PDB file of N, CA and C in Angstrom:
ATOM      1  N   LEU A   1      52.453-175.220 -13.561  1.00  0.00           N
ATOM      2  CA  LEU A   1      51.150-175.330 -12.908  1.00  0.00           C
ATOM      3  C   LEU A   1      50.212-174.216 -13.365  1.00  0.00           C
ATOM      4  N   LEU A   2      50.740-173.001 -13.515  1.00  0.00           N
ATOM      5  CA  LEU A   2      49.881-171.886 -13.907  1.00  0.00           C
ATOM      6  C   LEU A   2      49.300-172.086 -15.303  1.00  0.00           C
ATOM      7  N   PHE A   3      50.119-172.547 -16.239  1.00  0.00           N
ATOM      8  CA  PHE A   3      49.630-172.757 -17.583  1.00  0.00           C
ATOM      9  C   PHE A   3      48.584-173.861 -17.622  1.00  0.00           C
ATOM     10  N   THR A   4      48.793-174.898 -16.838  1.00  0.00           N
ATOM     11  CA  THR A   4      47.831-175.992 -16.756  1.00  0.00           C
ATOM     12  C   THR A   4      46.505-175.488 -16.204  1.00  0.00           C
ATOM     13  N   LEU A   5      46.575-174.662 -15.154  1.00  0.00           N
ATOM     14  CA  LEU A   5      45.348-174.088 -14.595  1.00  0.00           C
ATOM     15  C   LEU A   5      44.633-173.214 -15.614  1.00  0.00           C
ATOM     16  N   TYR A   6      45.415-172.434 -16.358  1.00  0.00           N
ATOM     17  CA  TYR A   6      44.825-171.549 -17.355  1.00  0.00           C
ATOM     18  C   TYR A   6      44.071-172.350 -18.409  1.00  0.00           C
ATOM     19  N   LEU A   7      44.691-173.390 -18.936  1.00  0.00           N
ATOM     20  CA  LEU A   7      44.019-174.224 -19.936  1.00  0.00           C
ATOM     21  C   LEU A   7      42.797-174.921 -19.365  1.00  0.00           C
ATOM     22  N   TYR A   8      42.929-175.398 -18.145  1.00  0.00           N
ATOM     23  CA  TYR A   8      41.846-176.117 -17.487  1.00  0.00           C
ATOM     24  C   TYR A   8      40.623-175.226 -17.311  1.00  0.00           C
ATOM     25  N   LEU A   9      40.860-173.991 -16.906  1.00  0.00           N
ATOM     26  CA  LEU A   9      39.750-173.093 -16.629  1.00  0.00           C
ATOM     27  C   LEU A   9      39.145-172.506 -17.893  1.00  0.00           C
ATOM     28  N   THR A  10      39.952-172.178 -18.890  1.00  0.00           N
ATOM     29  CA  THR A  10      39.400-171.584 -20.102  1.00  0.00           C
ATOM     30  C   THR A  10      38.506-172.567 -20.845  1.00  0.00           C
ATOM     31  N   GLN A  11      38.762-173.843 -20.718  1.00  0.00           N
ATOM     32  CA  GLN A  11      37.919-174.825 -21.388  1.00  0.00           C
ATOM     33  C   GLN A  11      36.613-175.052 -20.633  1.00  0.00           C
ATOM     34  N   CYS A  12      36.522-174.615 -19.386  1.00  0.00           N
ATOM     35  CA  CYS A  12      35.338-174.874 -18.575  1.00  0.00           C
ATOM     36  C   CYS A  12      34.342-173.723 -18.572  1.00  0.00           C
ATOM     37  N   LEU A  13      34.652-172.595 -19.211  1.00  0.00           N
ATOM     38  CA  LEU A  13      33.745-171.453 -19.159  1.00  0.00           C
ATOM     39  C   LEU A  13      32.446-171.699 -19.906  1.00  0.00           C
ATOM     40  N   SER A  14      32.457-172.567 -20.878  1.00  0.00           N
ATOM     41  CA  SER A  14      31.239-172.825 -21.635  1.00  0.00           C
ATOM     42  C   SER A  14      30.367-173.889 -20.977  1.00  0.00           C
ATOM     43  N   HIS A  15      30.774-174.393 -19.837  1.00  0.00           N
ATOM     44  CA  HIS A  15      30.025-175.450 -19.158  1.00  0.00           C
ATOM     45  C   HIS A  15      29.089-174.870 -18.100  1.00  0.00           C
ATOM     46  N   SER A  16      28.329-175.743 -17.486  1.00  0.00           N
ATOM     47  CA  SER A  16      27.342-175.324 -16.498  1.00  0.00           C
ATOM     48  C   SER A  16      28.008-174.837 -15.214  1.00  0.00           C
ATOM     49  N   ILE A  17      27.190-174.234 -14.349  1.00  0.00           N
ATOM     50  CA  ILE A  17      27.701-173.704 -13.077  1.00  0.00           C
ATOM     51  C   ILE A  17      28.246-174.826 -12.207  1.00  0.00           C
ATOM     52  N   SER A  18      27.573-175.959 -12.191  1.00  0.00           N
ATOM     53  CA  SER A  18      28.054-177.068 -11.357  1.00  0.00           C
ATOM     54  C   SER A  18      29.401-177.587 -11.849  1.00  0.00           C
ATOM     55  N   THR A  19      29.619-177.569 -13.140  1.00  0.00           N
ATOM     56  CA  THR A  19      30.910-177.986 -13.678  1.00  0.00           C
ATOM     57  C   THR A  19      31.996-176.991 -13.292  1.00  0.00           C
ATOM     58  N   ARG A  20      31.691-175.694 -13.389  1.00  0.00           N
ATOM     59  CA  ARG A  20      32.667-174.679 -12.988  1.00  0.00           C
ATOM     60  C   ARG A  20      32.946-174.766 -11.489  1.00  0.00           C
ATOM     61  N   ASN A  21      31.921-175.045 -10.695  1.00  0.00           N
ATOM     62  CA  ASN A  21      32.139-175.208  -9.257  1.00  0.00           C
ATOM     63  C   ASN A  21      33.024-176.420  -8.963  1.00  0.00           C
ATOM     64  N   SER A  22      32.847-177.464  -9.739  1.00  0.00           N
ATOM     65  CA  SER A  22      33.694-178.637  -9.515  1.00  0.00           C
ATOM     66  C   SER A  22      35.142-178.364  -9.898  1.00  0.00           C
ATOM     67  N   VAL A  23      35.371-177.453 -10.845  1.00  0.00           N
ATOM     68  CA  VAL A  23      36.735-177.051 -11.183  1.00  0.00           C
ATOM     69  C   VAL A  23      37.376-176.359  -9.985  1.00  0.00           C
ATOM     70  N   ILE A  24      36.651-175.421  -9.387  1.00  0.00           N
ATOM     71  CA  ILE A  24      37.166-174.710  -8.218  1.00  0.00           C
ATOM     72  C   ILE A  24      37.378-175.700  -7.073  1.00  0.00           C
ATOM     73  N   ASN A  25      36.433-176.606  -6.895  1.00  0.00           N
ATOM     74  CA  ASN A  25      36.534-177.612  -5.846  1.00  0.00           C
ATOM     75  C   ASN A  25      37.786-178.467  -6.021  1.00  0.00           C
ATOM     76  N   SER A  26      37.993-178.977  -7.221  1.00  0.00           N
ATOM     77  CA  SER A  26      39.133-179.871  -7.432  1.00  0.00           C
ATOM     78  C   SER A  26      40.459-179.134  -7.323  1.00  0.00           C
ATOM     79  N   LEU A  27      40.535-177.906  -7.819  1.00  0.00           N
ATOM     80  CA  LEU A  27      41.789-177.155  -7.730  1.00  0.00           C
ATOM     81  C   LEU A  27      42.101-176.774  -6.290  1.00  0.00           C
ATOM     82  N   THR A  28      41.077-176.440  -5.510  1.00  0.00           N
ATOM     83  CA  THR A  28      41.293-176.094  -4.105  1.00  0.00           C
ATOM     84  C   THR A  28      41.730-177.323  -3.319  1.00  0.00           C
ATOM     85  N   ARG A  29      41.064-178.438  -3.548  1.00  0.00           N
ATOM     86  CA  ARG A  29      41.460-179.679  -2.866  1.00  0.00           C
ATOM     87  C   ARG A  29      42.874-180.098  -3.250  1.00  0.00           C
ATOM     88  N   ARG A  30      43.199-179.969  -4.526  1.00  0.00           N
ATOM     89  CA  ARG A  30      44.534-180.340  -4.974  1.00  0.00           C
ATOM     90  C   ARG A  30      45.591-179.452  -4.319  1.00  0.00           C
ATOM     91  N   ALA A  31      45.322-178.158  -4.250  1.00  0.00           N
ATOM     92  CA  ALA A  31      46.274-177.253  -3.603  1.00  0.00           C
ATOM     93  C   ALA A  31      46.435-177.609  -2.130  1.00  0.00           C
ATOM     94  N   PHE A  32      45.342-177.949  -1.473  1.00  0.00           N
ATOM     95  CA  PHE A  32      45.393-178.288  -0.049  1.00  0.00           C
ATOM     96  C   PHE A  32      46.176-179.574   0.195  1.00  0.00           C
ATOM     97  N   THR A  33      45.997-180.558  -0.658  1.00  0.00           N
ATOM     98  CA  THR A  33      46.653-181.844  -0.425  1.00  0.00           C
ATOM     99  C   THR A  33      48.091-181.881  -0.920  1.00  0.00           C
ATOM    100  N   VAL A  34      48.420-181.105  -1.951  1.00  0.00           N
ATOM    101  CA  VAL A  34      49.748-181.180  -2.544  1.00  0.00           C
ATOM    102  C   VAL A  34      50.722-180.175  -1.924  1.00  0.00           C
ATOM    103  N   CYS A  35      50.261-178.974  -1.635  1.00  0.00           N
ATOM    104  CA  CYS A  35      51.167-177.908  -1.189  1.00  0.00           C
ATOM    105  C   CYS A  35      51.544-178.071   0.277  1.00  0.00           C
ATOM    106  N   SER A  36      52.739-177.623   0.578  1.00  0.00           N
ATOM    107  CA  SER A  36      53.165-177.586   1.977  1.00  0.00           C
ATOM    108  C   SER A  36      52.463-176.418   2.659  1.00  0.00           C
ATOM    109  N   PRO A  37      52.313-176.463   3.983  1.00  0.00           N
ATOM    110  CA  PRO A  37      51.569-175.410   4.686  1.00  0.00           C
ATOM    111  C   PRO A  37      52.121-174.005   4.463  1.00  0.00           C
ATOM    112  N   GLN A  38      53.431-173.857   4.307  1.00  0.00           N
ATOM    113  CA  GLN A  38      53.975-172.514   4.129  1.00  0.00           C
ATOM    114  C   GLN A  38      53.685-171.940   2.742  1.00  0.00           C
ATOM    115  N   HIS A  39      53.335-172.778   1.761  1.00  0.00           N
ATOM    116  CA  HIS A  39      53.029-172.294   0.415  1.00  0.00           C
ATOM    117  C   HIS A  39      51.550-172.382   0.066  1.00  0.00           C
ATOM    118  N   LEU A  40      50.739-172.835   0.995  1.00  0.00           N
ATOM    119  CA  LEU A  40      49.323-173.045   0.698  1.00  0.00           C
ATOM    120  C   LEU A  40      48.598-171.742   0.379  1.00  0.00           C
ATOM    121  N   ASP A  41      48.807-170.703   1.178  1.00  0.00           N
ATOM    122  CA  ASP A  41      48.112-169.431   0.925  1.00  0.00           C
ATOM    123  C   ASP A  41      48.479-168.857  -0.437  1.00  0.00           C
ATOM    124  N   GLU A  42      49.737-168.957  -0.792  1.00  0.00           N
ATOM    125  CA  GLU A  42      50.182-168.458  -2.092  1.00  0.00           C
ATOM    126  C   GLU A  42      49.523-169.230  -3.231  1.00  0.00           C
ATOM    127  N   GLU A  43      49.424-170.530  -3.088  1.00  0.00           N
ATOM    128  CA  GLU A  43      48.804-171.352  -4.129  1.00  0.00           C
ATOM    129  C   GLU A  43      47.304-171.101  -4.221  1.00  0.00           C
ATOM    130  N   LEU A  44      46.652-170.922  -3.072  1.00  0.00           N
ATOM    131  CA  LEU A  44      45.217-170.612  -3.089  1.00  0.00           C
ATOM    132  C   LEU A  44      44.957-169.251  -3.712  1.00  0.00           C
ATOM    133  N   ASP A  45      45.845-168.290  -3.473  1.00  0.00           N
ATOM    134  CA  ASP A  45      45.716-166.989  -4.134  1.00  0.00           C
ATOM    135  C   ASP A  45      45.876-167.124  -5.643  1.00  0.00           C
ATOM    136  N   THR A  46      46.784-167.981  -6.057  1.00  0.00           N
ATOM    137  CA  THR A  46      46.978-168.215  -7.490  1.00  0.00           C
ATOM    138  C   THR A  46      45.729-168.827  -8.110  1.00  0.00           C
ATOM    139  N   VAL A  47      45.160-169.815  -7.448  1.00  0.00           N
ATOM    140  CA  VAL A  47      43.927-170.438  -7.949  1.00  0.00           C
ATOM    141  C   VAL A  47      42.810-169.398  -8.023  1.00  0.00           C
ATOM    142  N   TYR A  48      42.684-168.586  -6.997  1.00  0.00           N
ATOM    143  CA  TYR A  48      41.637-167.554  -6.961  1.00  0.00           C
ATOM    144  C   TYR A  48      41.823-166.541  -8.095  1.00  0.00           C
ATOM    145  N   ASN A  49      43.049-166.050  -8.277  1.00  0.00           N
ATOM    146  CA  ASN A  49      43.305-165.050  -9.314  1.00  0.00           C
ATOM    147  C   ASN A  49      43.092-165.607 -10.710  1.00  0.00           C
ATOM    148  N   ILE A  50      43.442-166.844 -10.935  1.00  0.00           N
ATOM    149  CA  ILE A  50      43.220-167.453 -12.248  1.00  0.00           C
ATOM    150  C   ILE A  50      41.730-167.652 -12.493  1.00  0.00           C
ATOM    151  N   CYS A  51      40.996-168.008 -11.448  1.00  0.00           N
ATOM    152  CA  CYS A  51      39.538-168.129 -11.594  1.00  0.00           C
ATOM    153  C   CYS A  51      38.926-166.784 -11.977  1.00  0.00           C
ATOM    154  N   LEU A  52      39.368-165.723 -11.319  1.00  0.00           N
ATOM    155  CA  LEU A  52      38.845-164.388 -11.638  1.00  0.00           C
ATOM    156  C   LEU A  52      39.222-163.967 -13.050  1.00  0.00           C
ATOM    157  N   SER A  53      40.445-164.241 -13.450  1.00  0.00           N
ATOM    158  CA  SER A  53      40.873-163.829 -14.791  1.00  0.00           C
ATOM    159  C   SER A  53      40.164-164.626 -15.888  1.00  0.00           C
ATOM    160  N   ASN A  54      39.564-165.742 -15.530  1.00  0.00           N
ATOM    161  CA  ASN A  54      38.822-166.537 -16.499  1.00  0.00           C
ATOM    162  C   ASN A  54      37.314-166.348 -16.404  1.00  0.00           C
ATOM    163  N   GLY A  55      36.895-165.320 -15.689  1.00  0.00           N
ATOM    164  CA  GLY A  55      35.483-164.955 -15.689  1.00  0.00           C
ATOM    165  C   GLY A  55      34.631-165.585 -14.615  1.00  0.00           C
ATOM    166  N   PHE A  56      35.226-166.234 -13.642  1.00  0.00           N
ATOM    167  CA  PHE A  56      34.433-166.795 -12.554  1.00  0.00           C
ATOM    168  C   PHE A  56      33.985-165.657 -11.642  1.00  0.00           C
ATOM    169  N   PRO A  57      32.753-165.694 -11.135  1.00  0.00           N
ATOM    170  CA  PRO A  57      32.285-164.640 -10.234  1.00  0.00           C
ATOM    171  C   PRO A  57      33.098-164.617  -8.940  1.00  0.00           C
ATOM    172  N   PRO A  58      33.570-163.430  -8.517  1.00  0.00           N
ATOM    173  CA  PRO A  58      34.436-163.351  -7.330  1.00  0.00           C
ATOM    174  C   PRO A  58      33.771-163.855  -6.052  1.00  0.00           C
ATOM    175  N   HIS A  59      32.517-163.465  -5.832  1.00  0.00           N
ATOM    176  CA  HIS A  59      31.839-163.866  -4.590  1.00  0.00           C
ATOM    177  C   HIS A  59      31.645-165.383  -4.542  1.00  0.00           C
ATOM    178  N   ASP A  60      31.208-165.953  -5.655  1.00  0.00           N
ATOM    179  CA  ASP A  60      30.999-167.405  -5.694  1.00  0.00           C
ATOM    180  C   ASP A  60      32.307-168.160  -5.497  1.00  0.00           C
ATOM    181  N   THR A  61      33.366-167.661  -6.109  1.00  0.00           N
ATOM    182  CA  THR A  61      34.666-168.313  -5.983  1.00  0.00           C
ATOM    183  C   THR A  61      35.149-168.267  -4.538  1.00  0.00           C
ATOM    184  N   THR A  62      35.046-167.105  -3.908  1.00  0.00           N
ATOM    185  CA  THR A  62      35.475-166.951  -2.518  1.00  0.00           C
ATOM    186  C   THR A  62      34.664-167.847  -1.591  1.00  0.00           C
ATOM    187  N   THR A  63      33.361-167.837  -1.763  1.00  0.00           N
ATOM    188  CA  THR A  63      32.484-168.636  -0.905  1.00  0.00           C
ATOM    189  C   THR A  63      32.760-170.129  -1.059  1.00  0.00           C
ATOM    190  N   LEU A  64      32.904-170.569  -2.301  1.00  0.00           N
ATOM    191  CA  LEU A  64      33.131-171.987  -2.548  1.00  0.00           C
ATOM    192  C   LEU A  64      34.486-172.432  -2.007  1.00  0.00           C
ATOM    193  N   MET A  65      35.519-171.636  -2.235  1.00  0.00           N
ATOM    194  CA  MET A  65      36.845-171.996  -1.724  1.00  0.00           C
ATOM    195  C   MET A  65      36.860-172.027  -0.196  1.00  0.00           C
ATOM    196  N   ALA A  66      36.174-171.077   0.444  1.00  0.00           N
ATOM    197  CA  ALA A  66      36.134-171.041   1.906  1.00  0.00           C
ATOM    198  C   ALA A  66      35.408-172.261   2.470  1.00  0.00           C
ATOM    199  N   SER A  67      34.307-172.656   1.841  1.00  0.00           N
ATOM    200  CA  SER A  67      33.577-173.823   2.352  1.00  0.00           C
ATOM    201  C   SER A  67      34.376-175.114   2.151  1.00  0.00           C
ATOM    202  N   ILE A  68      35.085-175.222   1.048  1.00  0.00           N
ATOM    203  CA  ILE A  68      35.902-176.416   0.806  1.00  0.00           C
ATOM    204  C   ILE A  68      37.040-176.490   1.817  1.00  0.00           C
ATOM    205  N   LEU A  69      37.699-175.354   2.047  1.00  0.00           N
ATOM    206  CA  LEU A  69      38.802-175.329   3.012  1.00  0.00           C
ATOM    207  C   LEU A  69      38.313-175.619   4.422  1.00  0.00           C
ATOM    208  N   ALA A  70      37.120-175.138   4.771  1.00  0.00           N
ATOM    209  CA  ALA A  70      36.572-175.426   6.105  1.00  0.00           C
ATOM    210  C   ALA A  70      36.346-176.923   6.277  1.00  0.00           C
ATOM    211  N   LYS A  71      35.846-177.575   5.233  1.00  0.00           N
ATOM    212  CA  LYS A  71      35.636-179.025   5.316  1.00  0.00           C
ATOM    213  C   LYS A  71      36.958-179.779   5.407  1.00  0.00           C
ATOM    214  N   LEU A  72      37.955-179.318   4.649  1.00  0.00           N
ATOM    215  CA  LEU A  72      39.244-180.001   4.652  1.00  0.00           C
ATOM    216  C   LEU A  72      39.990-179.827   5.966  1.00  0.00           C
ATOM    217  N   ARG A  73      39.816-178.704   6.615  1.00  0.00           N
ATOM    218  CA  ARG A  73      40.530-178.425   7.868  1.00  0.00           C
ATOM    219  C   ARG A  73      39.834-179.007   9.089  1.00  0.00           C
ATOM    220  N   ARG A  74      38.571-179.393   8.943  1.00  0.00           N
ATOM    221  CA  ARG A  74      37.819-179.959  10.051  1.00  0.00           C
ATOM    222  C   ARG A  74      38.263-181.395  10.293  1.00  0.00           C
ATOM    223  N   PRO A  75      38.689-181.713  11.506  1.00  0.00           N
ATOM    224  CA  PRO A  75      39.092-183.102  11.755  1.00  0.00           C
ATOM    225  C   PRO A  75      37.874-184.015  11.769  1.00  0.00           C
ATOM    226  N   THR A  76      37.997-185.111  11.105  1.00  0.00           N
ATOM    227  CA  THR A  76      36.904-186.079  11.085  1.00  0.00           C
ATOM    228  C   THR A  76      37.346-187.316  11.863  1.00  0.00           C
ATOM    229  N   PRO A  77      36.541-187.713  12.842  1.00  0.00           N
ATOM    230  CA  PRO A  77      36.916-188.916  13.592  1.00  0.00           C
ATOM    231  C   PRO A  77      36.785-190.142  12.698  1.00  0.00           C
ATOM    232  N   SER A  78      37.781-190.961  12.743  1.00  0.00           N
ATOM    233  CA  SER A  78      37.713-192.177  11.935  1.00  0.00           C
ATOM    234  C   SER A  78      36.969-193.259  12.710  1.00  0.00           C
ATOM    235  N   PRO A  79      36.066-193.961  12.041  1.00  0.00           N
ATOM    236  CA  PRO A  79      35.320-195.016  12.731  1.00  0.00           C
ATOM    237  C   PRO A  79      36.259-196.174  13.067  1.00  0.00           C
ATOM    238  N   PRO A  80      35.967-196.878  14.147  1.00  0.00           N
ATOM    239  CA  PRO A  80      36.827-198.015  14.491  1.00  0.00           C
ATOM    240  C   PRO A  80      36.731-199.096  13.418  1.00  0.00           C
ATOM    241  N   ARG A  81      37.864-199.646  13.104  1.00  0.00           N
ATOM    242  CA  ARG A  81      37.899-200.690  12.086  1.00  0.00           C
ATOM    243  C   ARG A  81      37.599-202.045  12.711  1.00  0.00           C
ATOM    244  N   PRO A  82      36.791-202.831  12.025  1.00  0.00           N
ATOM    245  CA  PRO A  82      36.547-204.184  12.529  1.00  0.00           C
ATOM    246  C   PRO A  82      37.811-205.022  12.339  1.00  0.00           C
ATOM    247  N   PRO A  83      38.002-206.013  13.167  1.00  0.00           N
ATOM    248  CA  PRO A  83      39.192-206.861  13.002  1.00  0.00           C
ATOM    249  C   PRO A  83      39.158-207.565  11.646  1.00  0.00           C
ATOM    250  N   ARG A  84      40.310-207.616  11.034  1.00  0.00           N
ATOM    251  CA  ARG A  84      40.405-208.253   9.723  1.00  0.00           C
ATOM    252  C   ARG A  84      40.641-209.743   9.866  1.00  0.00           C
ATOM    253  N   GLU A  85      40.007-210.464   8.988  1.00  0.00           N
ATOM    254  CA  GLU A  85      40.257-211.901   8.933  1.00  0.00           C
ATOM    255  C   GLU A  85      41.398-212.123   7.952  1.00  0.00           C
ATOM    256  N   PHE A  86      42.363-212.850   8.384  1.00  0.00           N
ATOM    257  CA  PHE A  86      43.479-213.139   7.502  1.00  0.00           C
ATOM    258  C   PHE A  86      43.210-214.447   6.775  1.00  0.00           C
ATOM    259  N   LEU A  87      43.177-214.353   5.494  1.00  0.00           N
ATOM    260  CA  LEU A  87      42.952-215.527   4.673  1.00  0.00           C
ATOM    261  C   LEU A  87      44.286-215.948   4.070  1.00  0.00           C
ATOM    262  N   HIS A  88      44.466-217.205   3.981  1.00  0.00           N
ATOM    263  CA  HIS A  88      45.681-217.718   3.364  1.00  0.00           C
ATOM    264  C   HIS A  88      45.446-217.816   1.864  1.00  0.00           C
ATOM    265  N   ARG A  89      46.412-217.359   1.122  1.00  0.00           N
ATOM    266  CA  ARG A  89      46.285-217.373  -0.320  1.00  0.00           C
ATOM    267  C   ARG A  89      47.430-218.199  -0.897  1.00  0.00           C
ATOM    268  N   VAL A  90      47.055-219.068  -1.803  1.00  0.00           N
ATOM    269  CA  VAL A  90      48.043-219.907  -2.469  1.00  0.00           C
ATOM    270  C   VAL A  90      47.926-219.647  -3.959  1.00  0.00           C
ATOM    271  N   THR A  91      49.036-219.415  -4.608  1.00  0.00           N
ATOM    272  CA  THR A  91      49.050-219.209  -6.046  1.00  0.00           C
ATOM    273  C   THR A  91      49.603-220.456  -6.705  1.00  0.00           C
ATOM    274  N   LEU A  92      48.809-220.992  -7.597  1.00  0.00           N
ATOM    275  CA  LEU A  92      49.204-222.219  -8.287  1.00  0.00           C
ATOM    276  C   LEU A  92      49.445-221.916  -9.764  1.00  0.00           C
ATOM    277  N   PRO A  93      50.378-222.596 -10.377  1.00  0.00           N
ATOM    278  CA  PRO A  93      50.578-222.399 -11.815  1.00  0.00           C
ATOM    279  C   PRO A  93      49.410-222.994 -12.601  1.00  0.00           C
ATOM    280  N   TYR A  94      49.207-222.484 -13.782  1.00  0.00           N
ATOM    281  CA  TYR A  94      48.124-222.982 -14.617  1.00  0.00           C
ATOM    282  C   TYR A  94      48.501-224.318 -15.227  1.00  0.00           C
ATOM    283  N   HIS A  95      47.565-225.245 -15.114  1.00  0.00           N
ATOM    284  CA  HIS A  95      47.711-226.546 -15.762  1.00  0.00           C
ATOM    285  C   HIS A  95      46.380-226.823 -16.449  1.00  0.00           C
ATOM    286  N   PRO A  96      46.384-227.141 -17.738  1.00  0.00           N
ATOM    287  CA  PRO A  96      45.125-227.261 -18.491  1.00  0.00           C
ATOM    288  C   PRO A  96      44.104-228.206 -17.871  1.00  0.00           C
ATOM    289  N   VAL A  97      44.496-229.306 -17.339  1.00  0.00           N
ATOM    290  CA  VAL A  97      43.553-230.287 -16.809  1.00  0.00           C
ATOM    291  C   VAL A  97      43.273-230.031 -15.331  1.00  0.00           C
ATOM    292  N   LEU A  98      44.301-229.844 -14.555  1.00  0.00           N
ATOM    293  CA  LEU A  98      44.133-229.726 -13.107  1.00  0.00           C
ATOM    294  C   LEU A  98      43.516-228.396 -12.672  1.00  0.00           C
ATOM    295  N   SER A  99      43.784-227.317 -13.382  1.00  0.00           N
ATOM    296  CA  SER A  99      43.288-226.012 -12.957  1.00  0.00           C
ATOM    297  C   SER A  99      41.775-225.943 -12.936  1.00  0.00           C
ATOM    298  N   SER A 100      41.123-226.495 -13.934  1.00  0.00           N
ATOM    299  CA  SER A 100      39.662-226.459 -13.956  1.00  0.00           C
ATOM    300  C   SER A 100      39.076-227.316 -12.831  1.00  0.00           C
ATOM    301  N   ARG A 101      39.716-228.421 -12.496  1.00  0.00           N
ATOM    302  CA  ARG A 101      39.233-229.289 -11.409  1.00  0.00           C
ATOM    303  C   ARG A 101      39.419-228.605 -10.049  1.00  0.00           C
ATOM    304  N   ILE A 102      40.555-227.968  -9.849  1.00  0.00           N
ATOM    305  CA  ILE A 102      40.799-227.257  -8.586  1.00  0.00           C
ATOM    306  C   ILE A 102      39.836-226.073  -8.461  1.00  0.00           C
ATOM    307  N   LYS A 103      39.571-225.407  -9.561  1.00  0.00           N
ATOM    308  CA  LYS A 103      38.659-224.261  -9.553  1.00  0.00           C
ATOM    309  C   LYS A 103      37.262-224.682  -9.098  1.00  0.00           C
ATOM    310  N   ARG A 104      36.804-225.861  -9.520  1.00  0.00           N
ATOM    311  CA  ARG A 104      35.493-226.335  -9.092  1.00  0.00           C
ATOM    312  C   ARG A 104      35.447-226.640  -7.607  1.00  0.00           C
ATOM    313  N   VAL A 105      36.550-227.105  -7.060  1.00  0.00           N
ATOM    314  CA  VAL A 105      36.611-227.446  -5.636  1.00  0.00           C
ATOM    315  C   VAL A 105      36.607-226.171  -4.795  1.00  0.00           C
ATOM    316  N   LEU A 106      37.345-225.186  -5.235  1.00  0.00           N
ATOM    317  CA  LEU A 106      37.444-223.937  -4.477  1.00  0.00           C
ATOM    318  C   LEU A 106      36.242-223.099  -4.725  1.00  0.00           C
TER     319      LEU A 106
END
């Protein structure tokens, strides 16, 4: 993982600020979703240290990671789902003559 992060970040230094921010965003989100809670802080520290070693500004990195984590930790109420209509589906084998006629009917 560390080598992958290193390659990922070194290739992004020549890009715009928004691209570099999206790198931090995606790595922070990935760490949050993939890591178990007991290893999350360690992984976030690794992401932060690799960002610093690749020339990312410390204040911007800290601020961006904190805002992403705040959004991820905030519970979002899920909207109620409308009832689903169950449609019956039939799969028919292809027949050169009949398939085109059935297709027109359906």
